[in-house]
Amino acid sequence: MENKFSNKNKTMTENSLENVYRMNNYYRRMKIVKRIISHIVLIIFAIFAVFPIYYVFITSLNSIGSLAEASLSDLLPTAHSSLANYINILYHHPFFLWLKNTLILTGVSTIIGVMLSITSGLALSRFNIPLKHAFLYMLLILTLFPFTMMVIPYYFMFAQLHLLDSYIGLIIPYSAGALIYSSYLIKNYVDNLPKDYEEAAQIDGLSRRSALFRILVPMSKPVIIFAMLIAFMGPYTDYALAGQFITSKSLYTMAIGLYYVSQGDIVINYGTYSAFAVLMGIPIFILFFVFQRYLVSGFSLSTYK
């Protein structure tokens, strides 16, 4: 009798172990399958994201006159690929003059816009300003409208002030555009900082203004750098406003130069257009590479309430 029970228990134990082994193998296989599927999906999304960049770069090495002339063979590096488009832009056009003009406009407008955004963001966050909530809603609503809507009003206003075809005529609207979004962004970030830091600084003898600028501004460094990157992007890539304001070739920006260089007799020269886009993207790539950790954190900061 005991042998029967022991054999029966032994058989049940072996069966249970076998079932456990089968289940483990099943879950292990399912885990591998899920991992393979997730990697395939990620690879597809990566190709989808990288392909436009690859296409622009490959196109910049070819002499494609129009998209109608493009073929699948143009997507692969060939012996006919050359740097002729880059040489044409760098040596036959005032590319570096356009780059200098663009950096002056973007640098000055970014500094002015973000500095004003810091003061306004701190004030909106820490002071009880009359009609503060109405002003915040106005800022939020203004961020919803595209910047191109303001081109015609700006044009007539600055024409009356004789500020067309000048640096200052573009710096003022660019700074204003940076001020709107950056103020709201910095205000939301400072709202989440405890007031204990500035109160402790005031107890140690600092004035209210000194506490704000010497304590809160360094603590807000991530969102300030993020705001500077976003404020830089607008003027750097703008054509709508610069194309209407600037008429002197000596004041052309990169966006105007891109349009000027790539225009053919009938159609756009996409080889030259792509080469200029690659050159134009290098400063942006460097900025984003250097400040990438602030950029990643900035996207999460922009969701603060």
C-alpha atoms as a PDB file:
ATOM      1  CA  MET A   1       0.000   0.000   0.000  1.00  0.00           C
ATOM      2  CA  GLU A   2       2.752   2.420   0.930  1.00  0.00           C
ATOM      3  CA  ASN A   3       4.580   1.614  -2.301  1.00  0.00           C
ATOM      4  CA  LYS A   4       1.435   2.402  -4.282  1.00  0.00           C
ATOM      5  CA  PHE A   5       1.047   5.776  -2.564  1.00  0.00           C
ATOM      6  CA  SER A   6       4.725   6.585  -2.958  1.00  0.00           C
ATOM      7  CA  ASN A   7       4.646   5.640  -6.642  1.00  0.00           C
ATOM      8  CA  LYS A   8       1.496   7.658  -7.122  1.00  0.00           C
ATOM      9  CA  ASN A   9       3.028  10.706  -5.378  1.00  0.00           C
ATOM     10  CA  LYS A  10       6.187  10.270  -7.391  1.00  0.00           C
ATOM     11  CA  THR A  11       4.193  10.160 -10.611  1.00  0.00           C
ATOM     12  CA  MET A  12       2.191  13.247  -9.636  1.00  0.00           C
ATOM     13  CA  THR A  13       5.382  15.078  -8.726  1.00  0.00           C
ATOM     14  CA  GLU A  14       6.967  14.187 -12.047  1.00  0.00           C
ATOM     15  CA  ASN A  15       3.845  15.283 -13.915  1.00  0.00           C
ATOM     16  CA  SER A  16       3.693  18.587 -12.036  1.00  0.00           C
ATOM     17  CA  LEU A  17       7.381  19.221 -12.670  1.00  0.00           C
ATOM     18  CA  GLU A  18       6.881  18.418 -16.318  1.00  0.00           C
ATOM     19  CA  ASN A  19       3.933  20.822 -16.488  1.00  0.00           C
ATOM     20  CA  VAL A  20       5.968  23.530 -14.785  1.00  0.00           C
ATOM     21  CA  TYR A  21       8.814  22.933 -17.204  1.00  0.00           C
ATOM     22  CA  ARG A  22       6.414  23.162 -20.150  1.00  0.00           C
ATOM     23  CA  MET A  23       4.861  26.359 -18.817  1.00  0.00           C
ATOM     24  CA  ASN A  24       8.300  27.889 -18.286  1.00  0.00           C
ATOM     25  CA  ASN A  25       9.280  26.979 -21.822  1.00  0.00           C
ATOM     26  CA  TYR A  26       6.016  28.435 -23.110  1.00  0.00           C
ATOM     27  CA  TYR A  27       6.474  31.736 -21.275  1.00  0.00           C
ATOM     28  CA  ARG A  28      10.106  31.834 -22.303  1.00  0.00           C
ATOM     29  CA  ARG A  29       9.168  31.364 -25.964  1.00  0.00           C
ATOM     30  CA  MET A  30       6.400  33.958 -25.676  1.00  0.00           C
ATOM     31  CA  LYS A  31       8.863  36.386 -24.120  1.00  0.00           C
ATOM     32  CA  ILE A  32      11.295  35.850 -26.999  1.00  0.00           C
ATOM     33  CA  VAL A  33       8.503  36.271 -29.563  1.00  0.00           C
ATOM     34  CA  LYS A  34       7.323  39.505 -27.915  1.00  0.00           C
ATOM     35  CA  ARG A  35      10.885  40.802 -27.857  1.00  0.00           C
ATOM     36  CA  ILE A  36      11.357  39.967 -31.547  1.00  0.00           C
ATOM     37  CA  ILE A  37       8.072  41.663 -32.474  1.00  0.00           C
ATOM     38  CA  SER A  38       8.901  44.763 -30.413  1.00  0.00           C
ATOM     39  CA  HIS A  39      12.352  44.991 -32.031  1.00  0.00           C
ATOM     40  CA  ILE A  40      10.814  44.660 -35.501  1.00  0.00           C
ATOM     41  CA  VAL A  41       8.313  47.426 -34.730  1.00  0.00           C
ATOM     42  CA  LEU A  42      11.071  49.672 -33.339  1.00  0.00           C
ATOM     43  CA  ILE A  43      13.240  49.024 -36.396  1.00  0.00           C
ATOM     44  CA  ILE A  44      10.340  49.972 -38.698  1.00  0.00           C
ATOM     45  CA  PHE A  45       9.743  53.203 -36.755  1.00  0.00           C
ATOM     46  CA  ALA A  46      13.498  53.948 -36.770  1.00  0.00           C
ATOM     47  CA  ILE A  47      13.634  53.487 -40.551  1.00  0.00           C
ATOM     48  CA  PHE A  48      10.550  55.667 -40.913  1.00  0.00           C
ATOM     49  CA  ALA A  49      12.238  58.400 -38.817  1.00  0.00           C
ATOM     50  CA  VAL A  50      15.714  58.200 -40.346  1.00  0.00           C
ATOM     51  CA  PHE A  51      14.722  57.735 -44.000  1.00  0.00           C
ATOM     52  CA  PRO A  52      13.849  61.441 -44.670  1.00  0.00           C
ATOM     53  CA  ILE A  53      17.265  62.485 -43.318  1.00  0.00           C
ATOM     54  CA  TYR A  54      18.976  59.825 -45.421  1.00  0.00           C
ATOM     55  CA  TYR A  55      16.959  60.843 -48.489  1.00  0.00           C
ATOM     56  CA  VAL A  56      17.900  64.518 -48.096  1.00  0.00           C
ATOM     57  CA  PHE A  57      21.584  63.648 -47.690  1.00  0.00           C
ATOM     58  CA  ILE A  58      21.648  61.291 -50.686  1.00  0.00           C
ATOM     59  CA  THR A  59      19.745  63.830 -52.791  1.00  0.00           C
ATOM     60  CA  SER A  60      22.321  66.476 -51.864  1.00  0.00           C
ATOM     61  CA  LEU A  61      25.004  64.315 -53.505  1.00  0.00           C
ATOM     62  CA  ASN A  62      23.079  64.034 -56.787  1.00  0.00           C
ATOM     63  CA  SER A  63      22.226  66.527 -59.512  1.00  0.00           C
ATOM     64  CA  ILE A  64      18.472  65.932 -59.439  1.00  0.00           C
ATOM     65  CA  GLY A  65      16.682  68.769 -61.189  1.00  0.00           C
ATOM     66  CA  SER A  66      13.219  67.891 -59.915  1.00  0.00           C
ATOM     67  CA  LEU A  67      11.356  65.155 -58.068  1.00  0.00           C
ATOM     68  CA  ALA A  68      10.008  63.910 -61.404  1.00  0.00           C
ATOM     69  CA  GLU A  69      13.567  62.950 -62.372  1.00  0.00           C
ATOM     70  CA  ALA A  70      14.168  60.952 -59.163  1.00  0.00           C
ATOM     71  CA  SER A  71      14.245  57.143 -59.285  1.00  0.00           C
ATOM     72  CA  LEU A  72      14.893  54.305 -56.851  1.00  0.00           C
ATOM     73  CA  SER A  73      18.531  54.162 -57.953  1.00  0.00           C
ATOM     74  CA  ASP A  74      18.959  57.714 -56.672  1.00  0.00           C
ATOM     75  CA  LEU A  75      18.361  56.406 -53.132  1.00  0.00           C
ATOM     76  CA  LEU A  76      21.657  54.516 -53.194  1.00  0.00           C
ATOM     77  CA  PRO A  77      25.199  55.938 -53.171  1.00  0.00           C
ATOM     78  CA  THR A  78      26.671  55.627 -56.636  1.00  0.00           C
ATOM     79  CA  ALA A  79      29.835  56.544 -58.471  1.00  0.00           C
ATOM     80  CA  HIS A  80      28.008  59.598 -59.826  1.00  0.00           C
ATOM     81  CA  SER A  81      27.564  61.041 -56.321  1.00  0.00           C
ATOM     82  CA  SER A  82      29.605  64.182 -55.776  1.00  0.00           C
ATOM     83  CA  LEU A  83      30.000  67.254 -53.598  1.00  0.00           C
ATOM     84  CA  ALA A  84      29.223  69.609 -56.477  1.00  0.00           C
ATOM     85  CA  ASN A  85      26.118  71.011 -54.783  1.00  0.00           C
ATOM     86  CA  TYR A  86      28.056  71.783 -51.605  1.00  0.00           C
ATOM     87  CA  ILE A  87      30.912  73.389 -53.549  1.00  0.00           C
ATOM     88  CA  ASN A  88      28.426  75.504 -55.495  1.00  0.00           C
ATOM     89  CA  ILE A  89      26.794  76.776 -52.295  1.00  0.00           C
ATOM     90  CA  LEU A  90      29.983  77.425 -50.329  1.00  0.00           C
ATOM     91  CA  TYR A  91      32.140  78.922 -53.083  1.00  0.00           C
ATOM     92  CA  HIS A  92      29.709  80.525 -55.523  1.00  0.00           C
ATOM     93  CA  HIS A  93      27.273  82.091 -53.074  1.00  0.00           C
ATOM     94  CA  PRO A  94      27.762  84.211 -49.913  1.00  0.00           C
ATOM     95  CA  PHE A  95      26.770  81.328 -47.638  1.00  0.00           C
ATOM     96  CA  PHE A  96      28.840  82.483 -44.660  1.00  0.00           C
ATOM     97  CA  LEU A  97      27.396  86.004 -44.908  1.00  0.00           C
ATOM     98  CA  TRP A  98      23.905  84.516 -44.734  1.00  0.00           C
ATOM     99  CA  LEU A  99      25.000  82.368 -41.801  1.00  0.00           C
ATOM    100  CA  LYS A 100      26.399  85.422 -39.990  1.00  0.00           C
ATOM    101  CA  ASN A 101      23.187  87.392 -40.523  1.00  0.00           C
ATOM    102  CA  THR A 102      21.093  84.480 -39.282  1.00  0.00           C
ATOM    103  CA  LEU A 103      23.211  83.934 -36.174  1.00  0.00           C
ATOM    104  CA  ILE A 104      23.097  87.645 -35.320  1.00  0.00           C
ATOM    105  CA  LEU A 105      19.314  87.767 -35.635  1.00  0.00           C
ATOM    106  CA  THR A 106      18.689  84.511 -33.808  1.00  0.00           C
ATOM    107  CA  GLY A 107      21.286  85.122 -31.101  1.00  0.00           C
ATOM    108  CA  VAL A 108      20.159  88.638 -30.205  1.00  0.00           C
ATOM    109  CA  SER A 109      16.435  87.856 -30.379  1.00  0.00           C
ATOM    110  CA  THR A 110      16.891  84.664 -28.338  1.00  0.00           C
ATOM    111  CA  ILE A 111      18.846  86.451 -25.601  1.00  0.00           C
ATOM    112  CA  ILE A 112      16.378  89.347 -25.405  1.00  0.00           C
ATOM    113  CA  GLY A 113      13.310  87.108 -25.548  1.00  0.00           C
ATOM    114  CA  VAL A 114      14.512  84.613 -22.934  1.00  0.00           C
ATOM    115  CA  MET A 115      15.802  87.313 -20.543  1.00  0.00           C
ATOM    116  CA  LEU A 116      12.422  89.035 -20.655  1.00  0.00           C
ATOM    117  CA  SER A 117      10.768  85.621 -20.266  1.00  0.00           C
ATOM    118  CA  ILE A 118      12.739  84.943 -17.089  1.00  0.00           C
ATOM    119  CA  THR A 119      11.574  88.173 -15.439  1.00  0.00           C
ATOM    120  CA  SER A 120       7.981  87.773 -16.601  1.00  0.00           C
ATOM    121  CA  GLY A 121       7.890  84.079 -15.695  1.00  0.00           C
ATOM    122  CA  LEU A 122       9.181  84.746 -12.175  1.00  0.00           C
ATOM    123  CA  ALA A 123       6.751  87.632 -11.727  1.00  0.00           C
ATOM    124  CA  LEU A 124       3.771  85.597 -12.911  1.00  0.00           C
ATOM    125  CA  SER A 125       4.719  82.739 -10.629  1.00  0.00           C
ATOM    126  CA  ARG A 126       5.647  84.526  -7.408  1.00  0.00           C
ATOM    127  CA  PHE A 127       3.737  87.849  -7.404  1.00  0.00           C
ATOM    128  CA  ASN A 128       0.030  88.555  -7.121  1.00  0.00           C
ATOM    129  CA  ILE A 129      -0.400  90.652 -10.260  1.00  0.00           C
ATOM    130  CA  PRO A 130      -3.826  92.151 -11.058  1.00  0.00           C
ATOM    131  CA  LEU A 131      -5.595  90.152 -13.794  1.00  0.00           C
ATOM    132  CA  LYS A 132      -2.816  87.581 -13.673  1.00  0.00           C
ATOM    133  CA  HIS A 133      -5.006  84.654 -14.713  1.00  0.00           C
ATOM    134  CA  ALA A 134      -6.501  86.615 -17.604  1.00  0.00           C
ATOM    135  CA  PHE A 135      -2.988  87.484 -18.769  1.00  0.00           C
ATOM    136  CA  LEU A 136      -1.933  83.820 -18.536  1.00  0.00           C
ATOM    137  CA  TYR A 137      -4.924  82.712 -20.580  1.00  0.00           C
ATOM    138  CA  MET A 138      -4.056  85.365 -23.153  1.00  0.00           C
ATOM    139  CA  LEU A 139      -0.488  84.026 -23.382  1.00  0.00           C
ATOM    140  CA  LEU A 140      -1.797  80.499 -23.765  1.00  0.00           C
ATOM    141  CA  ILE A 141      -4.191  81.539 -26.526  1.00  0.00           C
ATOM    142  CA  LEU A 142      -1.444  83.454 -28.359  1.00  0.00           C
ATOM    143  CA  THR A 143       0.711  80.305 -28.466  1.00  0.00           C
ATOM    144  CA  LEU A 144      -2.058  78.569 -30.439  1.00  0.00           C
ATOM    145  CA  PHE A 145      -1.860  80.980 -33.388  1.00  0.00           C
ATOM    146  CA  PRO A 146       0.800  80.451 -36.092  1.00  0.00           C
ATOM    147  CA  PHE A 147       3.464  83.136 -36.326  1.00  0.00           C
ATOM    148  CA  THR A 148       2.704  83.651 -40.021  1.00  0.00           C
ATOM    149  CA  MET A 149      -0.616  85.289 -39.098  1.00  0.00           C
ATOM    150  CA  MET A 150       1.330  88.299 -37.849  1.00  0.00           C
ATOM    151  CA  VAL A 151       3.350  88.865 -41.027  1.00  0.00           C
ATOM    152  CA  ILE A 152       0.962  91.387 -42.641  1.00  0.00           C
ATOM    153  CA  PRO A 153       0.272  93.415 -39.447  1.00  0.00           C
ATOM    154  CA  TYR A 154       3.994  93.469 -38.641  1.00  0.00           C
ATOM    155  CA  TYR A 155       4.812  94.548 -42.184  1.00  0.00           C
ATOM    156  CA  PHE A 156       2.499  97.570 -42.142  1.00  0.00           C
ATOM    157  CA  MET A 157       3.522  98.538 -38.608  1.00  0.00           C
ATOM    158  CA  PHE A 158       7.272  98.382 -39.249  1.00  0.00           C
ATOM    159  CA  ALA A 159       6.881 100.064 -42.628  1.00  0.00           C
ATOM    160  CA  GLN A 160       5.403 103.063 -40.793  1.00  0.00           C
ATOM    161  CA  LEU A 161       8.355 102.967 -38.383  1.00  0.00           C
ATOM    162  CA  HIS A 162      10.894 102.634 -41.262  1.00  0.00           C
ATOM    163  CA  LEU A 163      12.291  99.422 -39.758  1.00  0.00           C
ATOM    164  CA  LEU A 164      11.979  97.202 -42.814  1.00  0.00           C
ATOM    165  CA  ASP A 165      15.168  95.789 -44.336  1.00  0.00           C
ATOM    166  CA  SER A 166      17.073  96.016 -41.027  1.00  0.00           C
ATOM    167  CA  TYR A 167      18.218  93.803 -38.195  1.00  0.00           C
ATOM    168  CA  ILE A 168      16.082  95.530 -35.591  1.00  0.00           C
ATOM    169  CA  GLY A 169      12.967  95.122 -37.722  1.00  0.00           C
ATOM    170  CA  LEU A 170      13.304  91.351 -37.354  1.00  0.00           C
ATOM    171  CA  ILE A 171      14.774  91.210 -33.842  1.00  0.00           C
ATOM    172  CA  ILE A 172      11.706  92.884 -32.292  1.00  0.00           C
ATOM    173  CA  PRO A 173       9.077  90.405 -33.589  1.00  0.00           C
ATOM    174  CA  TYR A 174      11.405  87.429 -33.074  1.00  0.00           C
ATOM    175  CA  SER A 175      11.973  88.468 -29.446  1.00  0.00           C
ATOM    176  CA  ALA A 176       8.246  88.944 -28.938  1.00  0.00           C
ATOM    177  CA  GLY A 177       7.563  85.480 -30.329  1.00  0.00           C
ATOM    178  CA  ALA A 178      10.107  83.925 -27.965  1.00  0.00           C
ATOM    179  CA  LEU A 179       8.690  85.891 -25.023  1.00  0.00           C
ATOM    180  CA  ILE A 180       5.150  84.504 -25.349  1.00  0.00           C
ATOM    181  CA  TYR A 181       5.918  80.787 -25.154  1.00  0.00           C
ATOM    182  CA  SER A 182       8.983  80.993 -22.901  1.00  0.00           C
ATOM    183  CA  SER A 183       7.207  83.096 -20.249  1.00  0.00           C
ATOM    184  CA  TYR A 184       4.456  80.518 -19.888  1.00  0.00           C
ATOM    185  CA  LEU A 185       6.986  77.675 -19.842  1.00  0.00           C
ATOM    186  CA  ILE A 186       9.215  79.246 -17.171  1.00  0.00           C
ATOM    187  CA  LYS A 187       6.197  80.247 -15.067  1.00  0.00           C
ATOM    188  CA  ASN A 188       4.916  76.655 -15.034  1.00  0.00           C
ATOM    189  CA  TYR A 189       8.345  75.355 -14.012  1.00  0.00           C
ATOM    190  CA  VAL A 190       8.858  77.895 -11.208  1.00  0.00           C
ATOM    191  CA  ASP A 191       5.374  77.069  -9.857  1.00  0.00           C
ATOM    192  CA  ASN A 192       6.692  73.606  -9.007  1.00  0.00           C
ATOM    193  CA  LEU A 193       9.718  74.898  -7.073  1.00  0.00           C
ATOM    194  CA  PRO A 194       9.168  75.109  -3.288  1.00  0.00           C
ATOM    195  CA  LYS A 195       9.103  78.613  -1.849  1.00  0.00           C
ATOM    196  CA  ASP A 196      11.253  77.436   1.077  1.00  0.00           C
ATOM    197  CA  TYR A 197      14.475  78.120  -0.850  1.00  0.00           C
ATOM    198  CA  GLU A 198      13.825  81.797  -1.474  1.00  0.00           C
ATOM    199  CA  GLU A 199      12.337  82.271   2.014  1.00  0.00           C
ATOM    200  CA  ALA A 200      15.499  80.780   3.541  1.00  0.00           C
ATOM    201  CA  ALA A 201      17.587  83.119   1.378  1.00  0.00           C
ATOM    202  CA  GLN A 202      15.577  86.097   2.595  1.00  0.00           C
ATOM    203  CA  ILE A 203      16.118  85.011   6.203  1.00  0.00           C
ATOM    204  CA  ASP A 204      19.855  84.976   5.463  1.00  0.00           C
ATOM    205  CA  GLY A 205      19.635  88.623   4.421  1.00  0.00           C
ATOM    206  CA  LEU A 206      18.895  88.636   0.695  1.00  0.00           C
ATOM    207  CA  SER A 207      16.230  90.933  -0.680  1.00  0.00           C
ATOM    208  CA  ARG A 208      13.189  89.515  -2.457  1.00  0.00           C
ATOM    209  CA  ARG A 209      14.606  90.389  -5.865  1.00  0.00           C
ATOM    210  CA  SER A 210      18.032  88.934  -5.058  1.00  0.00           C
ATOM    211  CA  ALA A 211      16.446  85.749  -3.751  1.00  0.00           C
ATOM    212  CA  LEU A 212      14.497  85.319  -6.964  1.00  0.00           C
ATOM    213  CA  PHE A 213      17.430  85.879  -9.297  1.00  0.00           C
ATOM    214  CA  ARG A 214      20.177  84.235  -7.230  1.00  0.00           C
ATOM    215  CA  ILE A 215      18.183  81.210  -6.094  1.00  0.00           C
ATOM    216  CA  LEU A 216      15.348  80.510  -8.528  1.00  0.00           C
ATOM    217  CA  VAL A 217      17.137  81.358 -11.771  1.00  0.00           C
ATOM    218  CA  PRO A 218      19.993  78.824 -11.209  1.00  0.00           C
ATOM    219  CA  MET A 219      17.406  76.231 -10.155  1.00  0.00           C
ATOM    220  CA  SER A 220      15.477  76.920 -13.378  1.00  0.00           C
ATOM    221  CA  LYS A 221      18.503  76.303 -15.599  1.00  0.00           C
ATOM    222  CA  PRO A 222      17.002  73.250 -17.409  1.00  0.00           C
ATOM    223  CA  VAL A 223      13.841  75.053 -18.496  1.00  0.00           C
ATOM    224  CA  ILE A 224      15.754  78.226 -19.407  1.00  0.00           C
ATOM    225  CA  ILE A 225      18.097  76.324 -21.737  1.00  0.00           C
ATOM    226  CA  PHE A 226      15.129  74.476 -23.202  1.00  0.00           C
ATOM    227  CA  ALA A 227      13.381  77.810 -23.796  1.00  0.00           C
ATOM    228  CA  MET A 228      16.533  79.158 -25.477  1.00  0.00           C
ATOM    229  CA  LEU A 229      16.685  76.183 -27.846  1.00  0.00           C
ATOM    230  CA  ILE A 230      13.039  76.579 -28.821  1.00  0.00           C
ATOM    231  CA  ALA A 231      13.444  80.359 -29.181  1.00  0.00           C
ATOM    232  CA  PHE A 232      16.512  79.787 -31.397  1.00  0.00           C
ATOM    233  CA  MET A 233      14.679  77.460 -33.771  1.00  0.00           C
ATOM    234  CA  GLY A 234      12.014  79.967 -34.799  1.00  0.00           C
ATOM    235  CA  PRO A 235      14.178  82.800 -36.212  1.00  0.00           C
ATOM    236  CA  TYR A 236      16.791  80.369 -37.543  1.00  0.00           C
ATOM    237  CA  THR A 237      14.321  78.621 -39.841  1.00  0.00           C
ATOM    238  CA  ASP A 238      11.940  81.528 -40.503  1.00  0.00           C
ATOM    239  CA  TYR A 239      11.251  82.547 -44.070  1.00  0.00           C
ATOM    240  CA  ALA A 240       7.738  84.038 -43.866  1.00  0.00           C
ATOM    241  CA  LEU A 241       8.765  87.165 -41.970  1.00  0.00           C
ATOM    242  CA  ALA A 242      12.358  87.533 -43.184  1.00  0.00           C
ATOM    243  CA  GLY A 243      11.334  87.006 -46.793  1.00  0.00           C
ATOM    244  CA  GLN A 244       8.942  89.963 -46.612  1.00  0.00           C
ATOM    245  CA  PHE A 245      11.098  92.302 -44.512  1.00  0.00           C
ATOM    246  CA  ILE A 246      14.510  91.821 -46.120  1.00  0.00           C
ATOM    247  CA  THR A 247      15.203  93.097 -49.628  1.00  0.00           C
ATOM    248  CA  SER A 248      18.963  93.825 -49.473  1.00  0.00           C
ATOM    249  CA  LYS A 249      21.075  90.838 -50.476  1.00  0.00           C
ATOM    250  CA  SER A 250      23.655  91.795 -47.847  1.00  0.00           C
ATOM    251  CA  LEU A 251      21.029  91.092 -45.138  1.00  0.00           C
ATOM    252  CA  TYR A 252      19.764  87.770 -46.488  1.00  0.00           C
ATOM    253  CA  THR A 253      19.273  85.037 -43.886  1.00  0.00           C
ATOM    254  CA  MET A 254      19.802  81.306 -44.359  1.00  0.00           C
ATOM    255  CA  ALA A 255      16.134  80.677 -45.144  1.00  0.00           C
ATOM    256  CA  ILE A 256      16.118  83.376 -47.834  1.00  0.00           C
ATOM    257  CA  GLY A 257      19.416  82.068 -49.187  1.00  0.00           C
ATOM    258  CA  LEU A 258      17.951  78.569 -49.376  1.00  0.00           C
ATOM    259  CA  TYR A 259      15.078  79.842 -51.503  1.00  0.00           C
ATOM    260  CA  TYR A 260      17.391  81.995 -53.641  1.00  0.00           C
ATOM    261  CA  VAL A 261      19.952  79.264 -54.360  1.00  0.00           C
ATOM    262  CA  SER A 262      17.549  76.411 -55.048  1.00  0.00           C
ATOM    263  CA  GLN A 263      15.337  78.259 -57.540  1.00  0.00           C
ATOM    264  CA  GLY A 264      15.822  77.009 -61.075  1.00  0.00           C
ATOM    265  CA  ASP A 265      14.421  78.420 -64.298  1.00  0.00           C
ATOM    266  CA  ILE A 266      11.227  76.380 -64.044  1.00  0.00           C
ATOM    267  CA  VAL A 267      11.430  73.994 -61.088  1.00  0.00           C
ATOM    268  CA  ILE A 268      13.306  73.815 -57.803  1.00  0.00           C
ATOM    269  CA  ASN A 269      16.787  72.298 -57.938  1.00  0.00           C
ATOM    270  CA  TYR A 270      16.329  69.640 -55.256  1.00  0.00           C
ATOM    271  CA  GLY A 271      19.981  68.608 -55.209  1.00  0.00           C
ATOM    272  CA  THR A 272      21.061  72.129 -54.246  1.00  0.00           C
ATOM    273  CA  TYR A 273      18.043  72.487 -51.959  1.00  0.00           C
ATOM    274  CA  SER A 274      19.002  69.313 -50.062  1.00  0.00           C
ATOM    275  CA  ALA A 275      22.678  70.284 -49.798  1.00  0.00           C
ATOM    276  CA  PHE A 276      21.721  73.682 -48.364  1.00  0.00           C
ATOM    277  CA  ALA A 277      19.337  71.983 -45.922  1.00  0.00           C
ATOM    278  CA  VAL A 278      22.162  69.725 -44.707  1.00  0.00           C
ATOM    279  CA  LEU A 279      24.501  72.689 -44.197  1.00  0.00           C
ATOM    280  CA  MET A 280      21.728  74.649 -42.512  1.00  0.00           C
ATOM    281  CA  GLY A 281      21.032  71.764 -40.153  1.00  0.00           C
ATOM    282  CA  ILE A 282      24.607  71.437 -38.867  1.00  0.00           C
ATOM    283  CA  PRO A 283      24.402  74.288 -36.270  1.00  0.00           C
ATOM    284  CA  ILE A 284      21.036  72.956 -35.057  1.00  0.00           C
ATOM    285  CA  PHE A 285      22.487  69.447 -34.754  1.00  0.00           C
ATOM    286  CA  ILE A 286      25.431  70.762 -32.727  1.00  0.00           C
ATOM    287  CA  LEU A 287      23.160  72.718 -30.370  1.00  0.00           C
ATOM    288  CA  PHE A 288      20.804  69.796 -29.830  1.00  0.00           C
ATOM    289  CA  PHE A 289      23.718  67.396 -29.318  1.00  0.00           C
ATOM    290  CA  VAL A 290      25.365  69.630 -26.705  1.00  0.00           C
ATOM    291  CA  PHE A 291      22.139  70.400 -24.832  1.00  0.00           C
ATOM    292  CA  GLN A 292      20.288  67.138 -25.457  1.00  0.00           C
ATOM    293  CA  ARG A 293      19.744  66.322 -21.774  1.00  0.00           C
ATOM    294  CA  TYR A 294      18.089  69.716 -21.244  1.00  0.00           C
ATOM    295  CA  LEU A 295      15.983  69.174 -24.347  1.00  0.00           C
ATOM    296  CA  VAL A 296      14.708  65.788 -23.167  1.00  0.00           C
ATOM    297  CA  SER A 297      13.901  67.121 -19.699  1.00  0.00           C
ATOM    298  CA  GLY A 298      12.373  70.243 -21.227  1.00  0.00           C
ATOM    299  CA  PHE A 299       9.713  68.279 -23.070  1.00  0.00           C
ATOM    300  CA  SER A 300       8.583  66.799 -19.766  1.00  0.00           C
ATOM    301  CA  LEU A 301       8.783  70.200 -18.075  1.00  0.00           C
ATOM    302  CA  SER A 302       6.461  71.688 -20.673  1.00  0.00           C
ATOM    303  CA  THR A 303       3.673  69.435 -19.406  1.00  0.00           C
ATOM    304  CA  TYR A 304       3.733  70.876 -15.895  1.00  0.00           C
ATOM    305  CA  LYS A 305       0.524  72.483 -14.711  1.00  0.00           C
END
